[in-house]
Amino acid sequence: MSSEKSQNGVVHLLATLAQSGNAWVQFGTLALIGITGLGNWVATWNSADRNKQEIEINRRVAWEGEQRIKQVVFQQIAEIHDWMKRATDEFHQGNADSAANKKILAEFREELGGFEARQLAALENQNKMMANQTVILQELQKFARERQRQEGH
């Protein structure tokens, strides 16, 4: 409310000065009004320039922030792609290792089967040799008994 009173007081003062009969007072009043208008125009112009500058600064800050965000996103996407490639390579390497292990195990199984067959054949041969030796020992025992009997008589 005090602002309204001071404006009304200024308006009343200017109206009084403008109605003055003295030409110099009227000219001074006109000059003061012109200077005030010019000051308002300059202030408005400066304010507009400052607003434009602030808008440009805000646009630049927003653009730079957007560029930083894009850069971070691109970096994260590249990291995700690298991780996926490494994971895929590890998976395929695991499959390759598994296939190699499976092949080695199949070869080992085959070799083990061959070893088992050879061992069974060797055991069979040993069993035959023992059977033959048993027959020979039985024949020797038989011969030794007969010989004892012949000598003991």
Protein backbone atom coordinates (compact mmCIF):
# COMPACT_ATOMS: atom_id res chain seq x y z
CA MET A 1 0.00 0.00 0.00
CA SER A 2 2.88 2.39 0.66
CA SER A 3 4.06 1.68 -2.89
CA GLU A 4 0.68 2.82 -4.25
CA LYS A 5 0.87 6.03 -2.17
CA SER A 6 4.37 6.82 -3.40
CA GLN A 7 3.29 6.22 -7.02
CA ASN A 8 0.19 8.33 -6.57
CA GLY A 9 2.33 11.04 -5.01
CA VAL A 10 4.74 10.92 -7.97
CA VAL A 11 1.89 10.99 -10.47
CA HIS A 12 0.30 13.92 -8.63
CA LEU A 13 3.64 15.77 -8.53
CA LEU A 14 4.24 15.16 -12.26
CA ALA A 15 0.71 16.28 -13.10
CA THR A 16 1.21 19.46 -11.06
CA LEU A 17 4.56 20.17 -12.76
CA ALA A 18 3.12 19.48 -16.22
CA GLN A 19 0.28 21.99 -15.63
CA SER A 20 2.72 24.64 -14.45
CA GLY A 21 2.65 27.89 -16.43
CA ASN A 22 6.44 28.08 -16.55
CA ALA A 23 7.86 26.68 -19.82
CA TRP A 24 11.11 25.65 -18.18
CA VAL A 25 9.28 23.61 -15.54
CA GLN A 26 7.21 21.96 -18.26
CA PHE A 27 10.36 21.28 -20.33
CA GLY A 28 12.20 19.92 -17.24
CA THR A 29 9.23 17.69 -16.46
CA LEU A 30 9.16 16.49 -20.05
CA ALA A 31 12.93 15.87 -19.92
CA LEU A 32 12.58 13.94 -16.63
CA ILE A 33 9.77 11.83 -18.10
CA GLY A 34 11.89 11.22 -21.24
CA ILE A 35 14.95 10.29 -19.20
CA THR A 36 12.86 8.01 -17.01
CA GLY A 37 11.34 6.38 -20.12
CA LEU A 38 14.79 6.05 -21.67
CA GLY A 39 16.05 4.50 -18.41
CA ASN A 40 13.14 2.07 -18.37
CA TRP A 41 13.77 1.22 -22.03
CA VAL A 42 17.51 0.63 -21.36
CA ALA A 43 16.73 -1.45 -18.26
CA THR A 44 14.21 -3.51 -20.23
CA TRP A 45 16.72 -3.93 -23.07
CA ASN A 46 19.49 -4.97 -20.63
CA SER A 47 17.10 -7.32 -18.89
CA ALA A 48 16.16 -8.87 -22.23
CA ASP A 49 19.85 -9.28 -23.11
CA ARG A 50 20.54 -10.85 -19.72
CA ASN A 51 17.54 -13.14 -20.16
CA LYS A 52 18.81 -14.16 -23.61
CA GLN A 53 22.27 -14.80 -22.17
CA GLU A 54 20.83 -16.82 -19.31
CA ILE A 55 18.68 -18.80 -21.75
CA GLU A 56 21.75 -19.49 -23.92
CA ILE A 57 23.77 -20.49 -20.85
CA ASN A 58 20.96 -22.79 -19.71
CA ARG A 59 20.71 -24.29 -23.20
CA ARG A 60 24.47 -24.85 -23.28
CA VAL A 61 24.46 -26.42 -19.81
CA ALA A 62 21.54 -28.66 -20.80
CA TRP A 63 23.28 -29.63 -24.07
CA GLU A 64 26.56 -30.38 -22.27
CA GLY A 65 24.68 -32.42 -19.65
CA GLU A 66 22.90 -34.31 -22.43
CA GLN A 67 26.24 -34.98 -24.14
CA ARG A 68 27.74 -36.29 -20.88
CA ILE A 69 24.72 -38.54 -20.35
CA LYS A 70 25.00 -39.82 -23.94
CA GLN A 71 28.69 -40.49 -23.43
CA VAL A 72 28.02 -42.45 -20.23
CA VAL A 73 25.21 -44.41 -21.91
CA PHE A 74 27.40 -45.23 -24.93
CA GLN A 75 30.20 -46.31 -22.59
CA GLN A 76 27.84 -48.51 -20.58
CA ILE A 77 26.42 -50.06 -23.75
CA ALA A 78 29.96 -50.77 -24.99
CA GLU A 79 30.80 -52.38 -21.62
CA ILE A 80 27.64 -54.51 -21.81
CA HIS A 81 28.55 -55.63 -25.34
CA ASP A 82 32.10 -56.47 -24.22
CA TRP A 83 30.76 -58.42 -21.24
CA MET A 84 28.30 -60.32 -23.46
CA LYS A 85 31.08 -61.12 -25.96
CA ARG A 86 33.38 -62.38 -23.18
CA ALA A 87 30.54 -64.43 -21.67
CA THR A 88 29.70 -65.91 -25.08
CA ASP A 89 33.37 -66.67 -25.76
CA GLU A 90 33.71 -68.31 -22.33
CA PHE A 91 30.55 -70.32 -22.98
CA HIS A 92 31.83 -71.50 -26.36
CA GLN A 93 35.26 -72.20 -24.88
CA GLY A 94 33.53 -74.23 -22.16
CA ASN A 95 31.67 -76.15 -24.86
CA ALA A 96 34.93 -76.69 -26.75
CA ASP A 97 36.67 -77.83 -23.56
CA SER A 98 33.74 -80.09 -22.74
CA ALA A 99 33.85 -81.60 -26.24
CA ALA A 100 37.61 -82.12 -25.95
CA ASN A 101 37.17 -83.72 -22.52
CA LYS A 102 34.39 -85.95 -23.88
CA LYS A 103 36.66 -87.05 -26.73
CA ILE A 104 39.54 -87.77 -24.33
CA LEU A 105 37.20 -89.75 -22.05
CA ALA A 106 35.90 -91.75 -25.03
CA GLU A 107 39.49 -92.54 -26.07
CA PHE A 108 40.34 -93.46 -22.49
CA ARG A 109 37.27 -95.71 -22.27
CA GLU A 110 38.30 -97.38 -25.51
CA GLU A 111 41.88 -97.85 -24.29
CA LEU A 112 40.60 -99.13 -20.94
CA GLY A 113 38.38 -101.62 -22.78
CA GLY A 114 41.41 -102.78 -24.78
CA PHE A 115 43.52 -103.04 -21.63
CA GLU A 116 40.79 -105.06 -19.92
CA ALA A 117 40.57 -107.43 -22.91
CA ARG A 118 44.37 -107.91 -22.89
CA GLN A 119 44.38 -108.53 -19.15
CA LEU A 120 41.57 -111.07 -19.46
CA ALA A 121 43.48 -112.81 -22.25
CA ALA A 122 46.65 -112.85 -20.12
CA LEU A 123 44.67 -114.21 -17.16
CA GLU A 124 43.16 -116.89 -19.40
CA ASN A 125 46.63 -117.83 -20.57
CA GLN A 126 47.86 -118.00 -16.97
CA ASN A 127 44.89 -120.20 -16.06
CA LYS A 128 45.77 -122.54 -18.95
CA MET A 129 49.42 -122.61 -17.88
CA MET A 130 48.39 -123.43 -14.30
CA ALA A 131 46.07 -126.16 -15.55
CA ASN A 132 48.93 -127.60 -17.65
CA GLN A 133 51.32 -127.38 -14.69
CA THR A 134 48.72 -129.07 -12.50
CA VAL A 135 48.50 -131.91 -15.03
CA ILE A 136 52.30 -132.14 -15.17
CA LEU A 137 52.51 -132.14 -11.34
CA GLN A 138 49.84 -134.82 -11.13
CA GLU A 139 51.76 -136.92 -13.68
CA LEU A 140 55.01 -136.39 -11.75
CA GLN A 141 53.29 -137.35 -8.51
CA LYS A 142 51.86 -140.42 -10.13
CA PHE A 143 55.28 -141.31 -11.52
CA ALA A 144 56.93 -140.69 -8.13
CA ARG A 145 54.42 -143.00 -6.36
CA GLU A 146 54.93 -145.74 -8.88
CA ARG A 147 58.62 -145.39 -8.56
CA GLN A 148 58.35 -145.56 -4.81
CA ARG A 149 56.24 -148.59 -5.01
CA GLN A 150 58.64 -150.26 -7.36
CA GLU A 151 61.58 -149.53 -5.14
CA GLY A 152 59.79 -150.44 -1.99
CA HIS A 153 58.93 -153.85 -3.20
